[in-house]
Amino acid sequence: MSRFQKKHSPTAQAEEEAENRFKVPVSRRIADRIHSDVLDRMTCDGKPLMDLVRQQKHEEEESLKTWKLPVQIVSPLVAFVVLLI
């Protein structure tokens, strides 16, 4: 839910998407209130939901780092081999 709310927070992309679907975008004030009144109070197994979301995002970023370096090393090598053929 927190990721859904963040995706639909008042950004240019969210506003454009809302208008394209004939909906009214959420104002910054309302988005902040939703965040403070709902998301900051939500818990999952007694732990604050936003802490869990932050931890999950951090883990996702770390998992992306594990494949980036090998791809950055192998891609030029593969391109070089293809050029040689």
PDB file of N, CA and C in Angstrom:
ATOM      1  N   MET A   1       0.823  -1.182   0.000  1.00  0.00           N
ATOM      2  CA  MET A   1       0.000   0.000   0.000  1.00  0.00           C
ATOM      3  C   MET A   1       0.874   1.256   0.000  1.00  0.00           C
ATOM      4  N   SER A   2       1.964   1.207   0.765  1.00  0.00           N
ATOM      5  CA  SER A   2       2.814   2.392   0.823  1.00  0.00           C
ATOM      6  C   SER A   2       3.450   2.678  -0.524  1.00  0.00           C
ATOM      7  N   ARG A   3       3.816   1.628  -1.267  1.00  0.00           N
ATOM      8  CA  ARG A   3       4.383   1.843  -2.597  1.00  0.00           C
ATOM      9  C   ARG A   3       3.313   2.368  -3.558  1.00  0.00           C
ATOM     10  N   PHE A   4       2.092   1.903  -3.414  1.00  0.00           N
ATOM     11  CA  PHE A   4       0.993   2.410  -4.232  1.00  0.00           C
ATOM     12  C   PHE A   4       0.803   3.893  -3.963  1.00  0.00           C
ATOM     13  N   GLN A   5       0.813   4.275  -2.688  1.00  0.00           N
ATOM     14  CA  GLN A   5       0.625   5.672  -2.335  1.00  0.00           C
ATOM     15  C   GLN A   5       1.774   6.511  -2.866  1.00  0.00           C
ATOM     16  N   LYS A   6       3.004   5.995  -2.754  1.00  0.00           N
ATOM     17  CA  LYS A   6       4.145   6.762  -3.241  1.00  0.00           C
ATOM     18  C   LYS A   6       4.054   6.934  -4.755  1.00  0.00           C
ATOM     19  N   LYS A   7       3.633   5.882  -5.450  1.00  0.00           N
ATOM     20  CA  LYS A   7       3.517   5.960  -6.909  1.00  0.00           C
ATOM     21  C   LYS A   7       2.486   7.004  -7.311  1.00  0.00           C
ATOM     22  N   HIS A   8       1.444   7.153  -6.502  1.00  0.00           N
ATOM     23  CA  HIS A   8       0.370   8.068  -6.849  1.00  0.00           C
ATOM     24  C   HIS A   8       0.446   9.385  -6.081  1.00  0.00           C
ATOM     25  N   SER A   9       1.592   9.673  -5.479  1.00  0.00           N
ATOM     26  CA  SER A   9       1.788  10.960  -4.817  1.00  0.00           C
ATOM     27  C   SER A   9       1.850  12.063  -5.872  1.00  0.00           C
ATOM     28  N   PRO A  10       1.714  13.302  -5.441  1.00  0.00           N
ATOM     29  CA  PRO A  10       1.700  14.395  -6.416  1.00  0.00           C
ATOM     30  C   PRO A  10       3.051  14.607  -7.098  1.00  0.00           C
ATOM     31  N   THR A  11       3.235  13.910  -8.190  1.00  0.00           N
ATOM     32  CA  THR A  11       4.378  14.126  -9.062  1.00  0.00           C
ATOM     33  C   THR A  11       3.814  14.436 -10.437  1.00  0.00           C
ATOM     34  N   ALA A  12       4.637  14.920 -11.304  1.00  0.00           N
ATOM     35  CA  ALA A  12       4.166  15.245 -12.652  1.00  0.00           C
ATOM     36  C   ALA A  12       3.620  14.001 -13.343  1.00  0.00           C
ATOM     37  N   GLN A  13       4.304  12.882 -13.181  1.00  0.00           N
ATOM     38  CA  GLN A  13       3.845  11.645 -13.815  1.00  0.00           C
ATOM     39  C   GLN A  13       2.510  11.181 -13.233  1.00  0.00           C
ATOM     40  N   ALA A  14       2.376  11.235 -11.906  1.00  0.00           N
ATOM     41  CA  ALA A  14       1.126  10.815 -11.276  1.00  0.00           C
ATOM     42  C   ALA A  14      -0.032  11.720 -11.674  1.00  0.00           C
ATOM     43  N   GLU A  15       0.234  13.024 -11.735  1.00  0.00           N
ATOM     44  CA  GLU A  15      -0.816  13.965 -12.136  1.00  0.00           C
ATOM     45  C   GLU A  15      -1.250  13.716 -13.571  1.00  0.00           C
ATOM     46  N   GLU A  16      -0.285  13.474 -14.443  1.00  0.00           N
ATOM     47  CA  GLU A  16      -0.610  13.214 -15.847  1.00  0.00           C
ATOM     48  C   GLU A  16      -1.410  11.920 -15.987  1.00  0.00           C
ATOM     49  N   GLU A  17      -1.000  10.898 -15.247  1.00  0.00           N
ATOM     50  CA  GLU A  17      -1.720   9.620 -15.299  1.00  0.00           C
ATOM     51  C   GLU A  17      -3.148   9.771 -14.794  1.00  0.00           C
ATOM     52  N   ALA A  18      -3.326  10.523 -13.715  1.00  0.00           N
ATOM     53  CA  ALA A  18      -4.669  10.747 -13.184  1.00  0.00           C
ATOM     54  C   ALA A  18      -5.534  11.501 -14.186  1.00  0.00           C
ATOM     55  N   GLU A  19      -4.986  12.542 -14.780  1.00  0.00           N
ATOM     56  CA  GLU A  19      -5.755  13.327 -15.741  1.00  0.00           C
ATOM     57  C   GLU A  19      -6.101  12.513 -16.989  1.00  0.00           C
ATOM     58  N   ASN A  20      -5.199  11.643 -17.419  1.00  0.00           N
ATOM     59  CA  ASN A  20      -5.476  10.788 -18.574  1.00  0.00           C
ATOM     60  C   ASN A  20      -6.611   9.810 -18.294  1.00  0.00           C
ATOM     61  N   ARG A  21      -6.803   9.491 -17.037  1.00  0.00           N
ATOM     62  CA  ARG A  21      -7.881   8.564 -16.661  1.00  0.00           C
ATOM     63  C   ARG A  21      -9.103   9.315 -16.123  1.00  0.00           C
ATOM     64  N   PHE A  22      -9.139  10.620 -16.379  1.00  0.00           N
ATOM     65  CA  PHE A  22     -10.249  11.480 -15.968  1.00  0.00           C
ATOM     66  C   PHE A  22     -10.472  11.448 -14.461  1.00  0.00           C
ATOM     67  N   LYS A  23      -9.364  11.478 -13.708  1.00  0.00           N
ATOM     68  CA  LYS A  23      -9.424  11.515 -12.251  1.00  0.00           C
ATOM     69  C   LYS A  23      -8.714  12.768 -11.775  1.00  0.00           C
ATOM     70  N   VAL A  24      -8.943  13.123 -10.542  1.00  0.00           N
ATOM     71  CA  VAL A  24      -8.326  14.315  -9.969  1.00  0.00           C
ATOM     72  C   VAL A  24      -7.079  13.897  -9.195  1.00  0.00           C
ATOM     73  N   PRO A  25      -5.930  14.521  -9.477  1.00  0.00           N
ATOM     74  CA  PRO A  25      -4.717  14.161  -8.742  1.00  0.00           C
ATOM     75  C   PRO A  25      -4.794  14.603  -7.280  1.00  0.00           C
ATOM     76  N   VAL A  26      -4.068  13.897  -6.431  1.00  0.00           N
ATOM     77  CA  VAL A  26      -4.033  14.208  -5.006  1.00  0.00           C
ATOM     78  C   VAL A  26      -3.065  15.372  -4.783  1.00  0.00           C
ATOM     79  N   SER A  27      -3.475  16.320  -3.970  1.00  0.00           N
ATOM     80  CA  SER A  27      -2.598  17.463  -3.682  1.00  0.00           C
ATOM     81  C   SER A  27      -1.478  17.033  -2.733  1.00  0.00           C
ATOM     82  N   ARG A  28      -0.424  17.820  -2.688  1.00  0.00           N
ATOM     83  CA  ARG A  28       0.711  17.522  -1.805  1.00  0.00           C
ATOM     84  C   ARG A  28       0.258  17.478  -0.346  1.00  0.00           C
ATOM     85  N   ARG A  29      -0.612  18.390   0.039  1.00  0.00           N
ATOM     86  CA  ARG A  29      -1.097  18.457   1.422  1.00  0.00           C
ATOM     87  C   ARG A  29      -1.847  17.182   1.801  1.00  0.00           C
ATOM     88  N   ILE A  30      -2.707  16.720   0.911  1.00  0.00           N
ATOM     89  CA  ILE A  30      -3.472  15.495   1.176  1.00  0.00           C
ATOM     90  C   ILE A  30      -2.529  14.289   1.207  1.00  0.00           C
ATOM     91  N   ALA A  31      -1.572  14.239   0.290  1.00  0.00           N
ATOM     92  CA  ALA A  31      -0.621  13.128   0.262  1.00  0.00           C
ATOM     93  C   ALA A  31       0.192  13.079   1.552  1.00  0.00           C
ATOM     94  N   ASP A  32       0.621  14.240   2.037  1.00  0.00           N
ATOM     95  CA  ASP A  32       1.364  14.293   3.296  1.00  0.00           C
ATOM     96  C   ASP A  32       0.503  13.827   4.461  1.00  0.00           C
ATOM     97  N   ARG A  33      -0.763  14.200   4.429  1.00  0.00           N
ATOM     98  CA  ARG A  33      -1.665  13.789   5.512  1.00  0.00           C
ATOM     99  C   ARG A  33      -1.917  12.282   5.462  1.00  0.00           C
ATOM    100  N   ILE A  34      -2.103  11.735   4.273  1.00  0.00           N
ATOM    101  CA  ILE A  34      -2.261  10.283   4.140  1.00  0.00           C
ATOM    102  C   ILE A  34      -1.033   9.589   4.698  1.00  0.00           C
ATOM    103  N   HIS A  35       0.117  10.125   4.353  1.00  0.00           N
ATOM    104  CA  HIS A  35       1.367   9.524   4.814  1.00  0.00           C
ATOM    105  C   HIS A  35       1.459   9.563   6.340  1.00  0.00           C
ATOM    106  N   SER A  36       1.201  10.731   6.930  1.00  0.00           N
ATOM    107  CA  SER A  36       1.364  10.866   8.379  1.00  0.00           C
ATOM    108  C   SER A  36       0.250  10.187   9.167  1.00  0.00           C
ATOM    109  N   ASP A  37      -0.999  10.258   8.687  1.00  0.00           N
ATOM    110  CA  ASP A  37      -2.126   9.703   9.434  1.00  0.00           C
ATOM    111  C   ASP A  37      -2.335   8.213   9.208  1.00  0.00           C
ATOM    112  N   VAL A  38      -1.891   7.705   8.086  1.00  0.00           N
ATOM    113  CA  VAL A  38      -2.156   6.297   7.783  1.00  0.00           C
ATOM    114  C   VAL A  38      -0.876   5.481   7.727  1.00  0.00           C
ATOM    115  N   LEU A  39      -0.006   5.818   6.797  1.00  0.00           N
ATOM    116  CA  LEU A  39       1.155   4.962   6.547  1.00  0.00           C
ATOM    117  C   LEU A  39       2.136   4.932   7.714  1.00  0.00           C
ATOM    118  N   ASP A  40       2.353   6.064   8.365  1.00  0.00           N
ATOM    119  CA  ASP A  40       3.290   6.076   9.491  1.00  0.00           C
ATOM    120  C   ASP A  40       2.750   5.321  10.697  1.00  0.00           C
ATOM    121  N   ARG A  41       1.467   5.094  10.763  1.00  0.00           N
ATOM    122  CA  ARG A  41       0.860   4.382  11.894  1.00  0.00           C
ATOM    123  C   ARG A  41       0.661   2.896  11.629  1.00  0.00           C
ATOM    124  N   MET A  42       0.764   2.479  10.381  1.00  0.00           N
ATOM    125  CA  MET A  42       0.528   1.074  10.049  1.00  0.00           C
ATOM    126  C   MET A  42       1.658   0.206  10.569  1.00  0.00           C
ATOM    127  N   THR A  43       1.303  -0.995  11.025  1.00  0.00           N
ATOM    128  CA  THR A  43       2.304  -1.948  11.496  1.00  0.00           C
ATOM    129  C   THR A  43       2.066  -3.295  10.843  1.00  0.00           C
ATOM    130  N   CYS A  44       3.109  -4.106  10.856  1.00  0.00           N
ATOM    131  CA  CYS A  44       3.036  -5.477  10.360  1.00  0.00           C
ATOM    132  C   CYS A  44       3.808  -6.339  11.358  1.00  0.00           C
ATOM    133  N   ASP A  45       3.138  -7.230  12.015  1.00  0.00           N
ATOM    134  CA  ASP A  45       3.729  -8.044  13.087  1.00  0.00           C
ATOM    135  C   ASP A  45       4.359  -7.166  14.162  1.00  0.00           C
ATOM    136  N   GLY A  46       3.736  -6.039  14.466  1.00  0.00           N
ATOM    137  CA  GLY A  46       4.205  -5.156  15.515  1.00  0.00           C
ATOM    138  C   GLY A  46       5.320  -4.209  15.103  1.00  0.00           C
ATOM    139  N   LYS A  47       5.787  -4.311  13.876  1.00  0.00           N
ATOM    140  CA  LYS A  47       6.862  -3.432  13.397  1.00  0.00           C
ATOM    141  C   LYS A  47       6.259  -2.352  12.510  1.00  0.00           C
ATOM    142  N   PRO A  48       6.794  -1.132  12.585  1.00  0.00           N
ATOM    143  CA  PRO A  48       6.280  -0.063  11.713  1.00  0.00           C
ATOM    144  C   PRO A  48       6.436  -0.442  10.238  1.00  0.00           C
ATOM    145  N   LEU A  49       5.379  -0.280   9.482  1.00  0.00           N
ATOM    146  CA  LEU A  49       5.369  -0.652   8.072  1.00  0.00           C
ATOM    147  C   LEU A  49       6.419   0.106   7.275  1.00  0.00           C
ATOM    148  N   MET A  50       6.589   1.384   7.550  1.00  0.00           N
ATOM    149  CA  MET A  50       7.543   2.174   6.780  1.00  0.00           C
ATOM    150  C   MET A  50       8.977   1.691   6.991  1.00  0.00           C
ATOM    151  N   ASP A  51       9.288   1.176   8.195  1.00  0.00           N
ATOM    152  CA  ASP A  51      10.616   0.597   8.421  1.00  0.00           C
ATOM    153  C   ASP A  51      10.801  -0.649   7.560  1.00  0.00           C
ATOM    154  N   LEU A  52       9.756  -1.464   7.457  1.00  0.00           N
ATOM    155  CA  LEU A  52       9.824  -2.656   6.625  1.00  0.00           C
ATOM    156  C   LEU A  52       9.981  -2.301   5.152  1.00  0.00           C
ATOM    157  N   VAL A  53       9.293  -1.259   4.716  1.00  0.00           N
ATOM    158  CA  VAL A  53       9.393  -0.822   3.320  1.00  0.00           C
ATOM    159  C   VAL A  53      10.801  -0.310   3.031  1.00  0.00           C
ATOM    160  N   ARG A  54      11.354   0.481   3.943  1.00  0.00           N
ATOM    161  CA  ARG A  54      12.722   0.976   3.764  1.00  0.00           C
ATOM    162  C   ARG A  54      13.725  -0.168   3.690  1.00  0.00           C
ATOM    163  N   GLN A  55      13.543  -1.159   4.567  1.00  0.00           N
ATOM    164  CA  GLN A  55      14.434  -2.320   4.563  1.00  0.00           C
ATOM    165  C   GLN A  55      14.313  -3.091   3.251  1.00  0.00           C
ATOM    166  N   GLN A  56      13.092  -3.278   2.785  1.00  0.00           N
ATOM    167  CA  GLN A  56      12.877  -4.001   1.528  1.00  0.00           C
ATOM    168  C   GLN A  56      13.496  -3.249   0.351  1.00  0.00           C
ATOM    169  N   LYS A  57      13.342  -1.938   0.305  1.00  0.00           N
ATOM    170  CA  LYS A  57      13.937  -1.148  -0.775  1.00  0.00           C
ATOM    171  C   LYS A  57      15.454  -1.242  -0.739  1.00  0.00           C
ATOM    172  N   HIS A  58      16.026  -1.200   0.464  1.00  0.00           N
ATOM    173  CA  HIS A  58      17.481  -1.320   0.603  1.00  0.00           C
ATOM    174  C   HIS A  58      17.957  -2.677   0.088  1.00  0.00           C
ATOM    175  N   GLU A  59      17.241  -3.744   0.456  1.00  0.00           N
ATOM    176  CA  GLU A  59      17.604  -5.083  -0.008  1.00  0.00           C
ATOM    177  C   GLU A  59      17.491  -5.198  -1.523  1.00  0.00           C
ATOM    178  N   GLU A  60      16.476  -4.562  -2.110  1.00  0.00           N
ATOM    179  CA  GLU A  60      16.326  -4.581  -3.564  1.00  0.00           C
ATOM    180  C   GLU A  60      17.487  -3.854  -4.241  1.00  0.00           C
ATOM    181  N   GLU A  61      17.884  -2.715  -3.685  1.00  0.00           N
ATOM    182  CA  GLU A  61      19.013  -1.969  -4.249  1.00  0.00           C
ATOM    183  C   GLU A  61      20.301  -2.775  -4.155  1.00  0.00           C
ATOM    184  N   GLU A  62      20.497  -3.460  -3.035  1.00  0.00           N
ATOM    185  CA  GLU A  62      21.697  -4.282  -2.868  1.00  0.00           C
ATOM    186  C   GLU A  62      21.699  -5.458  -3.844  1.00  0.00           C
ATOM    187  N   SER A  63      20.534  -6.056  -4.083  1.00  0.00           N
ATOM    188  CA  SER A  63      20.477  -7.188  -5.013  1.00  0.00           C
ATOM    189  C   SER A  63      20.772  -6.732  -6.440  1.00  0.00           C
ATOM    190  N   LEU A  64      20.416  -5.495  -6.775  1.00  0.00           N
ATOM    191  CA  LEU A  64      20.730  -4.973  -8.100  1.00  0.00           C
ATOM    192  C   LEU A  64      22.235  -4.809  -8.279  1.00  0.00           C
ATOM    193  N   LYS A  65      22.918  -4.454  -7.204  1.00  0.00           N
ATOM    194  CA  LYS A  65      24.360  -4.266  -7.273  1.00  0.00           C
ATOM    195  C   LYS A  65      25.085  -5.576  -7.588  1.00  0.00           C
ATOM    196  N   THR A  66      24.515  -6.711  -7.185  1.00  0.00           N
ATOM    197  CA  THR A  66      25.204  -7.991  -7.370  1.00  0.00           C
ATOM    198  C   THR A  66      25.306  -8.387  -8.834  1.00  0.00           C
ATOM    199  N   TRP A  67      24.384  -7.988  -9.661  1.00  0.00           N
ATOM    200  CA  TRP A  67      24.450  -8.378 -11.075  1.00  0.00           C
ATOM    201  C   TRP A  67      25.017  -7.277 -11.969  1.00  0.00           C
ATOM    202  N   LYS A  68      25.043  -6.041 -11.507  1.00  0.00           N
ATOM    203  CA  LYS A  68      25.505  -4.950 -12.365  1.00  0.00           C
ATOM    204  C   LYS A  68      26.979  -5.090 -12.752  1.00  0.00           C
ATOM    205  N   LEU A  69      27.830  -5.379 -11.807  1.00  0.00           N
ATOM    206  CA  LEU A  69      29.258  -5.463 -12.099  1.00  0.00           C
ATOM    207  C   LEU A  69      29.571  -6.576 -13.092  1.00  0.00           C
ATOM    208  N   PRO A  70      29.080  -7.803 -12.886  1.00  0.00           N
ATOM    209  CA  PRO A  70      29.356  -8.834 -13.890  1.00  0.00           C
ATOM    210  C   PRO A  70      28.842  -8.476 -15.282  1.00  0.00           C
ATOM    211  N   VAL A  71      27.693  -7.859 -15.361  1.00  0.00           N
ATOM    212  CA  VAL A  71      27.145  -7.470 -16.666  1.00  0.00           C
ATOM    213  C   VAL A  71      28.014  -6.393 -17.303  1.00  0.00           C
ATOM    214  N   GLN A  72      28.496  -5.447 -16.502  1.00  0.00           N
ATOM    215  CA  GLN A  72      29.345  -4.389 -17.033  1.00  0.00           C
ATOM    216  C   GLN A  72      30.686  -4.941 -17.522  1.00  0.00           C
ATOM    217  N   ILE A  73      31.149  -6.022 -16.929  1.00  0.00           N
ATOM    218  CA  ILE A  73      32.412  -6.625 -17.352  1.00  0.00           C
ATOM    219  C   ILE A  73      32.220  -7.509 -18.578  1.00  0.00           C
ATOM    220  N   VAL A  74      31.180  -8.315 -18.584  1.00  0.00           N
ATOM    221  CA  VAL A  74      30.964  -9.298 -19.645  1.00  0.00           C
ATOM    222  C   VAL A  74      30.445  -8.650 -20.930  1.00  0.00           C
ATOM    223  N   SER A  75      29.616  -7.632 -20.832  1.00  0.00           N
ATOM    224  CA  SER A  75      29.024  -7.021 -22.032  1.00  0.00           C
ATOM    225  C   SER A  75      30.061  -6.535 -23.039  1.00  0.00           C
ATOM    226  N   PRO A  76      31.069  -5.786 -22.628  1.00  0.00           N
ATOM    227  CA  PRO A  76      32.073  -5.365 -23.622  1.00  0.00           C
ATOM    228  C   PRO A  76      32.837  -6.547 -24.213  1.00  0.00           C
ATOM    229  N   LEU A  77      33.082  -7.562 -23.397  1.00  0.00           N
ATOM    230  CA  LEU A  77      33.782  -8.741 -23.911  1.00  0.00           C
ATOM    231  C   LEU A  77      32.950  -9.451 -24.974  1.00  0.00           C
ATOM    232  N   VAL A  78      31.676  -9.604 -24.731  1.00  0.00           N
ATOM    233  CA  VAL A  78      30.785 -10.254 -25.697  1.00  0.00           C
ATOM    234  C   VAL A  78      30.713  -9.410 -26.967  1.00  0.00           C
ATOM    235  N   ALA A  79      30.612  -8.115 -26.822  1.00  0.00           N
ATOM    236  CA  ALA A  79      30.565  -7.236 -27.997  1.00  0.00           C
ATOM    237  C   ALA A  79      31.856  -7.335 -28.805  1.00  0.00           C
ATOM    238  N   PHE A  80      32.979  -7.408 -28.125  1.00  0.00           N
ATOM    239  CA  PHE A  80      34.265  -7.548 -28.805  1.00  0.00           C
ATOM    240  C   PHE A  80      34.354  -8.852 -29.576  1.00  0.00           C
ATOM    241  N   VAL A  81      33.893  -9.958 -28.956  1.00  0.00           N
ATOM    242  CA  VAL A  81      33.900 -11.261 -29.609  1.00  0.00           C
ATOM    243  C   VAL A  81      32.992 -11.241 -30.829  1.00  0.00           C
ATOM    244  N   VAL A  82      31.826 -10.626 -30.715  1.00  0.00           N
ATOM    245  CA  VAL A  82      30.897 -10.549 -31.840  1.00  0.00           C
ATOM    246  C   VAL A  82      31.515  -9.751 -32.975  1.00  0.00           C
ATOM    247  N   LEU A  83      32.210  -8.695 -32.668  1.00  0.00           N
ATOM    248  CA  LEU A  83      32.871  -7.893 -33.702  1.00  0.00           C
ATOM    249  C   LEU A  83      33.982  -8.673 -34.392  1.00  0.00           C
ATOM    250  N   LEU A  84      34.650  -9.531 -33.667  1.00  0.00           N
ATOM    251  CA  LEU A  84      35.717 -10.343 -34.250  1.00  0.00           C
ATOM    252  C   LEU A  84      35.164 -11.393 -35.222  1.00  0.00           C
ATOM    253  N   ILE A  85      33.978 -11.855 -34.944  1.00  0.00           N
ATOM    254  CA  ILE A  85      33.361 -12.887 -35.795  1.00  0.00           C
ATOM    255  C   ILE A  85      32.859 -12.256 -37.022  1.00  0.00           C
TER     256      ILE A  85
END
